[in-house]
Amino acid sequence: MINVPLSALEVAMVQAGADPAATLRDTAAFAGHLDRLGYRRLWYAEHHHSPAIGAFPPVVLTAHTAASTSSIRLGSGGVMAPNHTPLMLAEQFGTLAALHPDRIDLGIGRGPGVLDETVARALRRGAGPITDAEYRAEVASTLRLLVEEMALGPLPEPWLLASSTAGGALAAELGLPIAVAHHIRPGHTLSALERYRADFTPSRWCAEPRVLVCVETVCAETREEAERLGGPMNVVKAGLMQGVSDVPFPTPADAAAHAFTPQERHALRAFRAQQAVGTPETVAGRLTELAEATGADELMLVTPVYALADRVRSYELVGRQAAAAQP
């Protein structure tokens, strides 16, 4: 069944009515659980100005959890290049790599991490959206500065986050491993990877194409329970479909009572069909299909459910399926 390594993406969902400190405590505890469960890596996503997703800088979370875990790789998935100078990224993640050799990843993405244009401009000190040329220059500068600033020490492992053929082309040009956001734009996954593999140029960072695919995964003992746990994120997604980013992350009970429009229900069903939601057997089968279809070297699971215990349980169940498939 699942025959590729498994990793996790942490988006730090903030429970309705909870304070950020509670979310941060759960985030730290979650890292410890994944470390013990044997997951390969845990990445933190950069988000801003959302009541549902914590605005916790990936570099801070990486530093915090690296100090309390022993083997799991940690890093950004990703830091958003438009919001940071290349030198700062090189210094921050180079320092983390020096403190925690062979455990730090630097995943770089293009989006601002926020839908609100005013906030996005504030992050860029008034500048507008980044152009293709500017993005390429900033990623290339970050890579160059990593080597120049930390030449004698261990370096973080850089990845390029992508959800389009343009992202696939840039990862190929720079010779970087690629992390594909199937959990955001599943319809673009195969075309992005086709472009990446066709144009790949070896580099000091990567000798041959290397692919990680991130998939939304909610696993429980029954299909009904998995769908119940996935309900809160469906409410948030429905808001995002309408361009609304200020939807809180509701409880499963509140989500079950939410009135979706027929159009929203159709879109959510179509999206869920391309992810991995259900019983352990169903999820394992879906992840296996996805790994085979994409040729992924690794799968990264993102599990945006309400309670920490349910989230950890989902990773436990999937991990058992992966372990059972090993010879």
Protein backbone atom coordinates (compact mmCIF):
# COMPACT_ATOMS: atom_id res chain seq x y z
CA MET A 1 0.00 0.00 0.00
CA ILE A 2 1.70 3.25 1.13
CA ASN A 3 5.33 2.77 0.11
CA VAL A 4 6.70 6.32 0.34
CA PRO A 5 7.73 8.30 3.44
CA LEU A 6 5.06 10.37 5.18
CA SER A 7 5.40 13.90 6.51
CA ALA A 8 3.04 16.56 7.88
CA LEU A 9 2.08 20.17 7.26
CA GLU A 10 0.98 22.24 10.26
CA VAL A 11 -1.39 25.12 9.50
CA ALA A 12 -2.15 25.84 13.18
CA MET A 13 -5.94 26.09 13.02
CA VAL A 14 -7.24 28.31 15.83
CA GLN A 15 -10.32 26.80 17.49
CA ALA A 16 -13.30 29.14 17.72
CA GLY A 17 -13.22 30.77 21.15
CA ALA A 18 -9.66 29.67 21.93
CA ASP A 19 -6.75 32.03 22.44
CA PRO A 20 -3.55 31.83 20.36
CA ALA A 21 -1.59 30.48 23.33
CA ALA A 22 -3.76 27.35 23.39
CA THR A 23 -3.13 26.79 19.69
CA LEU A 24 0.60 27.17 20.22
CA ARG A 25 0.56 24.63 23.06
CA ASP A 26 -1.25 22.18 20.78
CA THR A 27 1.23 22.89 17.99
CA ALA A 28 4.18 22.06 20.22
CA ALA A 29 2.51 18.91 21.52
CA PHE A 30 1.66 17.84 17.98
CA ALA A 31 5.32 18.02 16.97
CA GLY A 32 6.26 15.72 19.83
CA HIS A 33 3.62 13.18 18.80
CA LEU A 34 4.81 13.16 15.18
CA ASP A 35 8.41 12.77 16.29
CA ARG A 36 7.46 9.66 18.26
CA LEU A 37 5.30 8.32 15.42
CA GLY A 38 8.25 8.40 13.03
CA TYR A 39 7.04 10.94 10.49
CA ARG A 40 9.88 12.25 8.32
CA ARG A 41 9.30 16.01 8.51
CA LEU A 42 6.94 18.65 9.85
CA TRP A 43 6.55 21.98 8.09
CA TYR A 44 4.86 25.18 9.23
CA ALA A 45 2.84 27.36 6.88
CA GLU A 46 2.94 31.16 6.88
CA HIS A 47 -0.47 32.84 7.17
CA HIS A 48 -1.63 36.29 8.20
CA HIS A 49 -4.79 38.08 9.33
CA SER A 50 -7.12 35.08 9.63
CA PRO A 51 -9.27 34.09 12.62
CA ALA A 52 -9.07 30.44 11.56
CA ILE A 53 -5.32 30.08 10.97
CA GLY A 54 -2.70 31.29 13.42
CA ALA A 55 -0.31 34.04 12.30
CA PHE A 56 2.68 32.22 13.75
CA PRO A 57 5.98 32.73 11.87
CA PRO A 58 7.38 29.41 10.60
CA VAL A 59 10.90 30.30 11.70
CA VAL A 60 9.73 30.78 15.30
CA LEU A 61 7.74 27.54 15.39
CA THR A 62 10.63 25.66 13.80
CA ALA A 63 13.06 26.95 16.44
CA HIS A 64 10.68 26.15 19.28
CA THR A 65 9.88 22.58 18.25
CA ALA A 66 13.41 21.74 17.11
CA ALA A 67 14.54 22.30 20.69
CA SER A 68 12.03 19.79 22.06
CA THR A 69 12.16 17.02 19.42
CA SER A 70 14.93 14.64 18.50
CA SER A 71 14.73 13.29 14.96
CA ILE A 72 11.91 14.74 12.86
CA ARG A 73 12.94 17.31 10.25
CA LEU A 74 11.38 20.74 10.73
CA GLY A 75 10.97 23.87 8.68
CA SER A 76 8.79 26.10 6.58
CA GLY A 77 6.14 24.98 4.18
CA GLY A 78 6.56 27.66 3.41
CA VAL A 79 7.85 31.07 4.11
CA MET A 80 6.45 33.47 1.55
CA ALA A 81 9.24 35.12 -0.43
CA PRO A 82 7.36 38.40 -1.05
CA ASN A 83 7.23 39.06 2.70
CA HIS A 84 10.92 38.59 3.56
CA THR A 85 14.31 39.73 2.33
CA PRO A 86 16.59 36.97 1.02
CA LEU A 87 19.29 37.89 3.53
CA MET A 88 16.95 37.53 6.49
CA LEU A 89 15.76 34.12 5.29
CA ALA A 90 19.34 32.97 4.77
CA GLU A 91 20.39 34.15 8.21
CA GLN A 92 17.36 32.75 10.03
CA PHE A 93 17.30 29.30 8.48
CA GLY A 94 21.07 29.10 8.28
CA THR A 95 21.19 29.69 12.02
CA LEU A 96 18.57 27.02 12.63
CA ALA A 97 20.56 24.56 10.51
CA ALA A 98 23.71 25.33 12.51
CA LEU A 99 21.84 24.72 15.77
CA HIS A 100 20.09 21.56 14.49
CA PRO A 101 22.27 20.00 11.77
CA ASP A 102 20.51 17.86 9.13
CA ARG A 103 17.07 18.63 10.54
CA ILE A 104 16.06 21.97 9.01
CA ASP A 105 14.15 22.59 5.76
CA LEU A 106 13.55 25.91 4.02
CA GLY A 107 10.42 25.66 1.89
CA ILE A 108 9.82 28.86 -0.10
CA GLY A 109 6.50 29.93 -1.61
CA ARG A 110 5.27 32.82 -3.70
CA GLY A 111 1.86 33.82 -2.28
CA PRO A 112 1.49 36.53 0.37
CA GLY A 113 -0.16 34.18 2.86
CA VAL A 114 -3.22 36.43 3.11
CA LEU A 115 -6.24 37.32 0.95
CA ASP A 116 -6.60 40.89 2.23
CA GLU A 117 -4.76 43.12 -0.26
CA THR A 118 -4.18 45.83 2.36
CA VAL A 119 -2.41 43.36 4.63
CA ALA A 120 -0.44 41.91 1.72
CA ARG A 121 0.79 45.40 0.82
CA ALA A 122 1.67 46.09 4.44
CA LEU A 123 3.82 42.96 4.52
CA ARG A 124 5.65 44.27 1.46
CA ARG A 125 5.89 47.84 2.82
CA GLY A 126 3.44 49.16 0.26
CA ALA A 127 4.68 47.21 -2.77
CA GLY A 128 2.24 45.42 -5.06
CA PRO A 129 2.19 41.72 -6.01
CA ILE A 130 5.53 40.19 -6.84
CA THR A 131 6.31 39.54 -10.51
CA ASP A 132 7.67 36.29 -11.94
CA ALA A 133 11.08 37.89 -12.44
CA GLU A 134 11.17 39.32 -8.91
CA TYR A 135 10.18 35.99 -7.40
CA ARG A 136 12.88 34.11 -9.31
CA ALA A 137 15.47 36.70 -8.27
CA GLU A 138 14.49 36.51 -4.60
CA VAL A 139 14.60 32.70 -4.47
CA ALA A 140 17.94 32.64 -6.30
CA SER A 141 19.34 35.30 -3.96
CA THR A 142 18.21 33.35 -0.90
CA LEU A 143 20.00 30.24 -2.16
CA ARG A 144 23.16 32.20 -2.96
CA LEU A 145 23.19 33.94 0.42
CA LEU A 146 22.67 30.66 2.25
CA VAL A 147 25.94 29.44 0.82
CA GLU A 148 27.80 32.73 1.31
CA GLU A 149 26.62 33.39 4.85
CA MET A 150 26.90 29.81 6.16
CA ALA A 151 29.66 28.47 3.91
CA LEU A 152 31.45 26.49 6.62
CA GLY A 153 28.42 25.12 8.41
CA PRO A 154 25.48 22.82 7.72
CA LEU A 155 22.81 24.26 5.46
CA PRO A 156 19.05 23.89 5.53
CA GLU A 157 17.51 21.80 2.77
CA PRO A 158 15.73 24.17 0.35
CA TRP A 159 12.43 23.29 -1.35
CA LEU A 160 10.27 25.25 -3.74
CA LEU A 161 6.53 25.21 -3.08
CA ALA A 162 4.45 25.12 -6.25
CA SER A 163 0.85 24.84 -7.41
CA SER A 164 1.27 25.69 -11.10
CA THR A 165 3.38 24.96 -14.16
CA ALA A 166 5.23 28.23 -13.54
CA GLY A 167 6.28 26.97 -10.12
CA GLY A 168 7.28 23.64 -11.61
CA ALA A 169 9.40 25.42 -14.22
CA LEU A 170 11.19 27.55 -11.60
CA ALA A 171 11.95 24.56 -9.37
CA ALA A 172 13.35 22.77 -12.42
CA GLU A 173 15.46 25.75 -13.48
CA LEU A 174 16.98 26.20 -10.01
CA GLY A 175 17.46 22.47 -9.47
CA LEU A 176 15.35 22.36 -6.31
CA PRO A 177 13.17 19.62 -4.89
CA ILE A 178 9.51 20.53 -5.38
CA ALA A 179 6.63 20.44 -2.91
CA VAL A 180 3.33 20.49 -4.78
CA ALA A 181 0.27 21.98 -3.06
CA HIS A 182 -2.24 19.33 -4.13
CA HIS A 183 -4.25 20.29 -1.03
CA ILE A 184 -4.83 23.74 -2.52
CA ARG A 185 -4.95 23.36 -6.31
CA PRO A 186 -5.27 19.63 -7.08
CA GLY A 187 -6.16 20.28 -10.71
CA HIS A 188 -2.67 21.69 -11.35
CA THR A 189 -0.62 18.91 -9.75
CA LEU A 190 0.10 16.72 -12.76
CA SER A 191 0.85 19.58 -15.15
CA ALA A 192 3.23 21.19 -12.65
CA LEU A 193 5.10 17.92 -12.17
CA GLU A 194 5.24 17.20 -15.90
CA ARG A 195 6.90 20.57 -16.47
CA TYR A 196 9.24 20.08 -13.50
CA ARG A 197 10.50 16.69 -14.64
CA ALA A 198 10.83 17.72 -18.28
CA ASP A 199 12.93 20.82 -17.55
CA PHE A 200 14.87 19.75 -14.46
CA THR A 201 18.49 20.90 -14.24
CA PRO A 202 20.74 19.29 -11.59
CA SER A 203 22.23 21.59 -8.97
CA ARG A 204 24.19 21.49 -5.72
CA TRP A 205 20.82 21.14 -4.00
CA CYS A 206 19.35 18.27 -5.97
CA ALA A 207 20.92 15.85 -8.48
CA GLU A 208 17.64 14.64 -9.95
CA PRO A 209 13.93 15.50 -9.69
CA ARG A 210 12.57 15.04 -6.19
CA VAL A 211 8.86 15.34 -5.52
CA LEU A 212 6.77 15.86 -2.40
CA VAL A 213 2.99 16.05 -2.76
CA CYS A 214 0.88 17.62 0.01
CA VAL A 215 -2.64 16.19 0.38
CA GLU A 216 -5.46 16.98 2.79
CA THR A 217 -5.96 13.85 4.90
CA VAL A 218 -8.56 13.12 7.55
CA CYS A 219 -8.60 9.57 8.86
CA ALA A 220 -10.89 8.00 11.47
CA GLU A 221 -12.28 4.59 12.32
CA THR A 222 -15.45 5.25 10.31
CA ARG A 223 -16.26 7.27 7.21
CA GLU A 224 -18.91 9.19 9.11
CA GLU A 225 -16.45 10.22 11.80
CA ALA A 226 -13.86 11.31 9.24
CA GLU A 227 -16.43 13.48 7.49
CA ARG A 228 -17.55 14.94 10.83
CA LEU A 229 -13.96 15.85 11.67
CA GLY A 230 -13.49 17.43 8.26
CA GLY A 231 -16.61 19.58 8.65
CA PRO A 232 -14.98 22.66 10.24
CA MET A 233 -12.48 23.04 7.41
CA ASN A 234 -15.33 22.75 4.90
CA VAL A 235 -16.90 25.84 6.46
CA VAL A 236 -13.62 27.75 6.12
CA LYS A 237 -13.21 26.56 2.51
CA ALA A 238 -16.73 27.65 1.65
CA GLY A 239 -15.84 31.13 2.84
CA LEU A 240 -12.63 31.16 0.83
CA MET A 241 -14.60 30.19 -2.29
CA GLN A 242 -16.46 33.47 -1.86
CA GLY A 243 -13.25 35.41 -1.22
CA VAL A 244 -14.03 35.68 2.51
CA SER A 245 -11.04 35.05 4.75
CA ASP A 246 -12.50 36.08 8.13
CA VAL A 247 -14.45 32.86 8.80
CA PRO A 248 -13.57 31.37 12.24
CA PHE A 249 -12.69 27.68 12.59
CA PRO A 250 -15.92 26.22 14.04
CA THR A 251 -16.50 23.19 16.23
CA PRO A 252 -17.57 19.98 14.45
CA ALA A 253 -21.06 20.44 15.91
CA ASP A 254 -21.36 23.98 14.58
CA ALA A 255 -19.99 22.86 11.22
CA ALA A 256 -22.58 20.09 11.01
CA ALA A 257 -25.31 22.71 11.41
CA HIS A 258 -23.84 25.04 8.78
CA ALA A 259 -26.06 25.68 5.74
CA PHE A 260 -23.98 25.18 2.60
CA THR A 261 -25.35 26.28 -0.75
CA PRO A 262 -25.79 23.60 -3.43
CA GLN A 263 -22.85 25.12 -5.32
CA GLU A 264 -20.64 24.95 -2.23
CA ARG A 265 -21.60 21.32 -1.58
CA HIS A 266 -20.76 20.39 -5.15
CA ALA A 267 -17.38 22.15 -5.02
CA LEU A 268 -16.51 20.61 -1.66
CA ARG A 269 -17.38 17.10 -2.86
CA ALA A 270 -15.24 17.59 -5.96
CA PHE A 271 -12.33 18.81 -3.87
CA ARG A 272 -12.64 16.01 -1.29
CA ALA A 273 -12.63 13.40 -4.05
CA GLN A 274 -9.07 14.44 -4.87
CA GLN A 275 -7.88 14.31 -1.26
CA ALA A 276 -7.81 11.45 1.30
CA VAL A 277 -10.74 11.34 3.73
CA GLY A 278 -12.25 8.27 5.34
CA THR A 279 -11.34 5.04 7.11
CA PRO A 280 -7.73 3.85 7.38
CA GLU A 281 -8.22 1.48 4.45
CA THR A 282 -9.83 4.16 2.29
CA VAL A 283 -7.17 6.74 3.12
CA ALA A 284 -4.32 4.30 2.53
CA GLY A 285 -5.77 3.38 -0.84
CA ARG A 286 -6.23 7.00 -1.85
CA LEU A 287 -2.70 7.97 -0.77
CA THR A 288 -1.30 5.01 -2.67
CA GLU A 289 -3.19 6.04 -5.81
CA LEU A 290 -1.94 9.61 -5.49
CA ALA A 291 1.67 8.53 -4.97
CA GLU A 292 1.50 6.31 -8.04
CA ALA A 293 -0.24 8.91 -10.22
CA THR A 294 2.27 11.63 -9.35
CA GLY A 295 5.39 9.54 -8.89
CA ALA A 296 5.84 11.25 -5.53
CA ASP A 297 8.94 10.43 -3.51
CA GLU A 298 7.13 11.56 -0.36
CA LEU A 299 3.62 12.49 0.76
CA MET A 300 2.90 15.32 3.18
CA LEU A 301 -0.41 15.15 5.03
CA VAL A 302 -2.29 18.22 6.20
CA THR A 303 -5.07 17.44 8.68
CA PRO A 304 -7.04 20.56 9.65
CA VAL A 305 -9.37 19.15 12.32
CA TYR A 306 -10.64 20.81 15.46
CA ALA A 307 -9.17 18.84 18.38
CA LEU A 308 -5.53 17.89 18.88
CA ALA A 309 -6.44 14.35 19.96
CA ASP A 310 -8.41 13.76 16.75
CA ARG A 311 -5.59 15.16 14.64
CA VAL A 312 -2.99 12.95 16.32
CA ARG A 313 -5.29 9.95 15.99
CA SER A 314 -5.60 10.55 12.24
CA TYR A 315 -1.81 10.50 11.87
CA GLU A 316 -1.58 7.39 14.03
CA LEU A 317 -4.06 5.49 11.87
CA VAL A 318 -2.34 6.48 8.63
CA GLY A 319 1.06 5.67 10.10
CA ARG A 320 -0.13 2.17 10.99
CA GLN A 321 -1.25 1.59 7.43
CA ALA A 322 2.14 2.72 6.15
CA ALA A 323 3.97 0.51 8.65
CA ALA A 324 1.86 -2.50 7.71
CA ALA A 325 2.89 -2.07 4.08
CA GLN A 326 6.61 -2.29 4.87
CA PRO A 327 8.34 -5.63 4.19
